[in-house]
Amino acid sequence: MHRLLVLYPPPVDPGAFERHYREVHLPLAARLPGASGMSFALGIEDGPYFAAFQADFASGEALGAAMGSPEGRAVEADVPNYASGGAIVLTFEVEEVAPR
């Protein structure tokens, strides 16, 4: 499994960030083809980030295809509309650990 992780430093206007993120950006992200799951957090109080998003894909190829699709390009193009602090995008292979 491959994961897309996006970390957002604190924005200039947290309220505007949250409104746009919920009303515009997340509906765009929900259309990413091939995603097997997505989650996000807003208003993170511990650490240097305000928000985080993750999406999982079956493979690196599936993640790359999703981000290269029209939907992926729309998601990427929307980031400057709300993320005044920018965004850090990480992609990586995930290994799972079975709980005991």
N, C-alpha and C. Protein backbone atom coordinates (compact mmCIF):
# COMPACT_ATOMS: atom_id res chain seq x y z
N MET A 1 0.85 -1.17 0.00
CA MET A 1 0.00 0.00 0.00
C MET A 1 0.89 1.23 0.00
N HIS A 2 0.44 2.26 -0.69
CA HIS A 2 1.15 3.54 -0.74
C HIS A 2 0.26 4.63 -0.15
N ARG A 3 0.92 5.56 0.53
CA ARG A 3 0.18 6.62 1.20
C ARG A 3 0.62 7.98 0.67
N LEU A 4 -0.36 8.84 0.52
CA LEU A 4 -0.15 10.25 0.25
C LEU A 4 -0.43 10.96 1.57
N LEU A 5 0.55 11.71 2.07
CA LEU A 5 0.41 12.45 3.32
C LEU A 5 0.69 13.92 3.02
N VAL A 6 -0.25 14.78 3.38
CA VAL A 6 -0.09 16.22 3.17
C VAL A 6 -0.14 16.90 4.53
N LEU A 7 0.89 17.66 4.84
CA LEU A 7 0.99 18.39 6.11
C LEU A 7 0.90 19.88 5.81
N TYR A 8 0.08 20.58 6.57
CA TYR A 8 -0.14 22.01 6.35
C TYR A 8 0.37 22.82 7.54
N PRO A 9 1.36 23.69 7.33
CA PRO A 9 1.77 24.62 8.37
C PRO A 9 0.60 25.57 8.70
N PRO A 10 0.67 26.26 9.83
CA PRO A 10 -0.43 27.15 10.20
C PRO A 10 -0.72 28.20 9.12
N PRO A 11 -1.99 28.37 8.77
CA PRO A 11 -2.37 29.38 7.78
C PRO A 11 -2.53 30.75 8.43
N VAL A 12 -2.58 31.79 7.62
CA VAL A 12 -2.81 33.14 8.10
C VAL A 12 -4.20 33.24 8.72
N ASP A 13 -5.21 32.63 8.08
CA ASP A 13 -6.59 32.69 8.56
C ASP A 13 -7.13 31.26 8.71
N PRO A 14 -7.03 30.69 9.91
CA PRO A 14 -7.49 29.31 10.11
C PRO A 14 -8.96 29.08 9.74
N GLY A 15 -9.83 30.05 10.01
CA GLY A 15 -11.25 29.89 9.68
C GLY A 15 -11.47 29.79 8.18
N ALA A 16 -10.80 30.65 7.42
CA ALA A 16 -10.92 30.61 5.96
C ALA A 16 -10.34 29.30 5.42
N PHE A 17 -9.22 28.87 6.00
CA PHE A 17 -8.63 27.58 5.59
C PHE A 17 -9.66 26.48 5.78
N GLU A 18 -10.24 26.39 6.98
CA GLU A 18 -11.16 25.30 7.27
C GLU A 18 -12.40 25.35 6.38
N ARG A 19 -12.97 26.52 6.16
CA ARG A 19 -14.15 26.62 5.28
C ARG A 19 -13.84 26.11 3.88
N HIS A 20 -12.77 26.63 3.30
CA HIS A 20 -12.42 26.23 1.93
C HIS A 20 -12.08 24.74 1.88
N TYR A 21 -11.33 24.29 2.87
CA TYR A 21 -10.90 22.89 2.89
C TYR A 21 -12.10 21.95 2.92
N ARG A 22 -13.06 22.24 3.79
CA ARG A 22 -14.24 21.38 3.92
C ARG A 22 -15.20 21.50 2.72
N GLU A 23 -15.40 22.72 2.26
CA GLU A 23 -16.42 22.96 1.24
C GLU A 23 -15.94 22.73 -0.19
N VAL A 24 -14.65 22.93 -0.42
CA VAL A 24 -14.13 22.84 -1.80
C VAL A 24 -13.09 21.74 -1.94
N HIS A 25 -12.05 21.79 -1.10
CA HIS A 25 -10.92 20.90 -1.33
C HIS A 25 -11.23 19.43 -1.06
N LEU A 26 -11.85 19.13 0.07
CA LEU A 26 -12.15 17.72 0.36
C LEU A 26 -13.08 17.08 -0.67
N PRO A 27 -14.12 17.79 -1.17
CA PRO A 27 -14.92 17.19 -2.25
C PRO A 27 -14.09 16.90 -3.51
N LEU A 28 -13.09 17.76 -3.80
CA LEU A 28 -12.20 17.48 -4.93
C LEU A 28 -11.36 16.23 -4.64
N ALA A 29 -10.79 16.16 -3.45
CA ALA A 29 -9.94 15.02 -3.08
C ALA A 29 -10.73 13.71 -3.08
N ALA A 30 -11.99 13.78 -2.70
CA ALA A 30 -12.83 12.58 -2.65
C ALA A 30 -13.01 11.94 -4.02
N ARG A 31 -12.71 12.68 -5.06
CA ARG A 31 -12.83 12.17 -6.44
C ARG A 31 -11.55 11.53 -6.96
N LEU A 32 -10.49 11.51 -6.16
CA LEU A 32 -9.23 10.91 -6.63
C LEU A 32 -9.47 9.44 -6.97
N PRO A 33 -9.19 9.05 -8.20
CA PRO A 33 -9.43 7.65 -8.58
C PRO A 33 -8.47 6.69 -7.89
N GLY A 34 -8.99 5.57 -7.44
CA GLY A 34 -8.16 4.51 -6.90
C GLY A 34 -7.85 4.62 -5.42
N ALA A 35 -8.31 5.65 -4.75
CA ALA A 35 -8.04 5.78 -3.32
C ALA A 35 -8.87 4.75 -2.56
N SER A 36 -8.22 4.06 -1.62
CA SER A 36 -8.94 3.06 -0.84
C SER A 36 -9.39 3.60 0.51
N GLY A 37 -8.91 4.76 0.89
CA GLY A 37 -9.32 5.39 2.13
C GLY A 37 -8.68 6.76 2.26
N MET A 38 -9.37 7.65 2.96
CA MET A 38 -8.87 9.01 3.19
C MET A 38 -9.25 9.43 4.59
N SER A 39 -8.40 10.27 5.19
CA SER A 39 -8.72 10.87 6.49
C SER A 39 -7.98 12.19 6.61
N PHE A 40 -8.47 13.02 7.54
CA PHE A 40 -7.82 14.32 7.73
C PHE A 40 -8.01 14.78 9.16
N ALA A 41 -7.22 15.77 9.54
CA ALA A 41 -7.32 16.41 10.85
C ALA A 41 -7.10 17.90 10.66
N LEU A 42 -7.90 18.70 11.36
CA LEU A 42 -7.76 20.15 11.33
C LEU A 42 -7.54 20.66 12.74
N GLY A 43 -6.85 21.79 12.85
CA GLY A 43 -6.64 22.41 14.16
C GLY A 43 -5.72 21.61 15.06
N ILE A 44 -4.72 20.98 14.50
CA ILE A 44 -3.76 20.21 15.30
C ILE A 44 -3.05 21.18 16.25
N GLU A 45 -3.04 20.85 17.51
CA GLU A 45 -2.47 21.75 18.51
C GLU A 45 -1.03 21.41 18.88
N ASP A 46 -0.66 20.16 18.77
CA ASP A 46 0.70 19.75 19.12
C ASP A 46 1.55 19.67 17.86
N GLY A 47 2.69 20.33 17.87
CA GLY A 47 3.59 20.25 16.73
C GLY A 47 3.46 21.44 15.80
N PRO A 48 4.21 21.40 14.72
CA PRO A 48 4.30 22.56 13.83
C PRO A 48 3.24 22.63 12.73
N TYR A 49 2.29 21.71 12.71
CA TYR A 49 1.31 21.68 11.62
C TYR A 49 -0.10 21.97 12.12
N PHE A 50 -0.86 22.64 11.27
CA PHE A 50 -2.26 22.97 11.56
C PHE A 50 -3.20 21.86 11.11
N ALA A 51 -2.85 21.21 9.99
CA ALA A 51 -3.73 20.20 9.42
C ALA A 51 -2.91 19.10 8.76
N ALA A 52 -3.56 17.94 8.59
CA ALA A 52 -2.94 16.80 7.91
C ALA A 52 -4.01 16.06 7.13
N PHE A 53 -3.62 15.48 6.02
CA PHE A 53 -4.51 14.68 5.18
C PHE A 53 -3.75 13.45 4.75
N GLN A 54 -4.45 12.31 4.69
CA GLN A 54 -3.81 11.13 4.12
C GLN A 54 -4.80 10.37 3.26
N ALA A 55 -4.27 9.77 2.22
CA ALA A 55 -5.05 8.91 1.32
C ALA A 55 -4.19 7.70 1.00
N ASP A 56 -4.82 6.54 0.94
CA ASP A 56 -4.12 5.30 0.65
C ASP A 56 -4.49 4.77 -0.72
N PHE A 57 -3.51 4.14 -1.35
CA PHE A 57 -3.66 3.58 -2.69
C PHE A 57 -3.02 2.20 -2.71
N ALA A 58 -3.46 1.35 -3.61
CA ALA A 58 -2.96 -0.03 -3.67
C ALA A 58 -1.47 -0.10 -4.00
N SER A 59 -0.97 0.87 -4.76
CA SER A 59 0.43 0.83 -5.19
C SER A 59 0.92 2.24 -5.49
N GLY A 60 2.22 2.37 -5.66
CA GLY A 60 2.80 3.64 -6.08
C GLY A 60 2.30 4.05 -7.45
N GLU A 61 2.09 3.07 -8.31
CA GLU A 61 1.58 3.36 -9.65
C GLU A 61 0.16 3.92 -9.58
N ALA A 62 -0.66 3.35 -8.71
CA ALA A 62 -2.04 3.83 -8.56
C ALA A 62 -2.05 5.25 -7.99
N LEU A 63 -1.17 5.52 -7.04
CA LEU A 63 -1.08 6.86 -6.48
C LEU A 63 -0.64 7.85 -7.56
N GLY A 64 0.38 7.48 -8.33
CA GLY A 64 0.86 8.34 -9.41
C GLY A 64 -0.20 8.60 -10.46
N ALA A 65 -0.96 7.57 -10.80
CA ALA A 65 -2.04 7.73 -11.78
C ALA A 65 -3.11 8.66 -11.24
N ALA A 66 -3.43 8.53 -9.96
CA ALA A 66 -4.45 9.40 -9.36
C ALA A 66 -4.00 10.86 -9.39
N MET A 67 -2.76 11.11 -9.00
CA MET A 67 -2.28 12.49 -8.96
C MET A 67 -2.09 13.07 -10.36
N GLY A 68 -1.85 12.22 -11.35
CA GLY A 68 -1.71 12.69 -12.72
C GLY A 68 -3.02 12.82 -13.47
N SER A 69 -4.10 12.37 -12.86
CA SER A 69 -5.42 12.43 -13.49
C SER A 69 -5.96 13.86 -13.45
N PRO A 70 -7.01 14.15 -14.21
CA PRO A 70 -7.64 15.47 -14.12
C PRO A 70 -8.08 15.80 -12.69
N GLU A 71 -8.57 14.80 -11.97
CA GLU A 71 -8.99 15.03 -10.58
C GLU A 71 -7.79 15.39 -9.70
N GLY A 72 -6.67 14.68 -9.89
CA GLY A 72 -5.47 14.96 -9.12
C GLY A 72 -4.91 16.34 -9.42
N ARG A 73 -4.94 16.71 -10.69
CA ARG A 73 -4.46 18.05 -11.06
C ARG A 73 -5.36 19.14 -10.47
N ALA A 74 -6.67 18.88 -10.39
CA ALA A 74 -7.59 19.86 -9.78
C ALA A 74 -7.31 20.01 -8.29
N VAL A 75 -7.03 18.89 -7.61
CA VAL A 75 -6.70 18.94 -6.19
C VAL A 75 -5.43 19.77 -5.99
N GLU A 76 -4.42 19.48 -6.76
CA GLU A 76 -3.15 20.21 -6.63
C GLU A 76 -3.31 21.70 -6.93
N ALA A 77 -4.08 22.03 -7.96
CA ALA A 77 -4.27 23.43 -8.34
C ALA A 77 -5.04 24.21 -7.29
N ASP A 78 -5.85 23.52 -6.47
CA ASP A 78 -6.66 24.21 -5.46
C ASP A 78 -5.86 24.60 -4.22
N VAL A 79 -4.75 23.97 -3.94
CA VAL A 79 -4.00 24.19 -2.70
C VAL A 79 -3.69 25.67 -2.45
N PRO A 80 -3.21 26.44 -3.42
CA PRO A 80 -2.91 27.85 -3.14
C PRO A 80 -4.15 28.68 -2.77
N ASN A 81 -5.33 28.16 -3.02
CA ASN A 81 -6.56 28.90 -2.72
C ASN A 81 -6.88 28.95 -1.23
N TYR A 82 -6.24 28.11 -0.43
CA TYR A 82 -6.55 28.09 1.01
C TYR A 82 -5.32 27.92 1.91
N ALA A 83 -4.25 27.34 1.39
CA ALA A 83 -3.09 27.00 2.22
C ALA A 83 -2.04 28.10 2.15
N SER A 84 -2.29 29.20 2.88
CA SER A 84 -1.36 30.33 2.84
C SER A 84 0.01 29.96 3.41
N GLY A 85 0.08 28.93 4.23
CA GLY A 85 1.35 28.47 4.77
C GLY A 85 2.02 27.42 3.90
N GLY A 86 1.41 27.10 2.77
CA GLY A 86 1.94 26.08 1.88
C GLY A 86 1.52 24.69 2.32
N ALA A 87 2.09 23.69 1.69
CA ALA A 87 1.77 22.29 1.99
C ALA A 87 3.01 21.45 1.75
N ILE A 88 3.20 20.47 2.61
CA ILE A 88 4.29 19.51 2.46
C ILE A 88 3.66 18.20 2.03
N VAL A 89 4.06 17.69 0.88
CA VAL A 89 3.47 16.47 0.33
C VAL A 89 4.50 15.35 0.39
N LEU A 90 4.12 14.26 1.02
CA LEU A 90 4.97 13.08 1.12
C LEU A 90 4.22 11.88 0.55
N THR A 91 4.94 11.03 -0.16
CA THR A 91 4.37 9.76 -0.62
C THR A 91 5.34 8.66 -0.24
N PHE A 92 4.79 7.53 0.22
CA PHE A 92 5.66 6.45 0.68
C PHE A 92 4.89 5.15 0.76
N GLU A 93 5.65 4.07 0.73
CA GLU A 93 5.07 2.73 0.92
C GLU A 93 4.82 2.52 2.40
N VAL A 94 3.70 1.91 2.70
CA VAL A 94 3.29 1.66 4.09
C VAL A 94 3.37 0.19 4.38
N GLU A 95 3.92 -0.16 5.53
CA GLU A 95 3.90 -1.51 6.04
C GLU A 95 2.97 -1.54 7.24
N GLU A 96 2.15 -2.57 7.34
CA GLU A 96 1.20 -2.65 8.43
C GLU A 96 1.72 -3.57 9.53
N VAL A 97 1.32 -3.26 10.74
CA VAL A 97 1.64 -4.07 11.91
C VAL A 97 0.34 -4.59 12.49
N ALA A 98 0.26 -5.87 12.70
CA ALA A 98 -0.95 -6.45 13.27
C ALA A 98 -0.99 -6.18 14.77
N PRO A 99 -2.12 -5.69 15.27
CA PRO A 99 -2.22 -5.48 16.71
C PRO A 99 -2.23 -6.79 17.46
N ARG A 100 -1.76 -6.78 18.68
CA ARG A 100 -1.71 -8.02 19.49
C ARG A 100 -2.94 -8.15 20.32
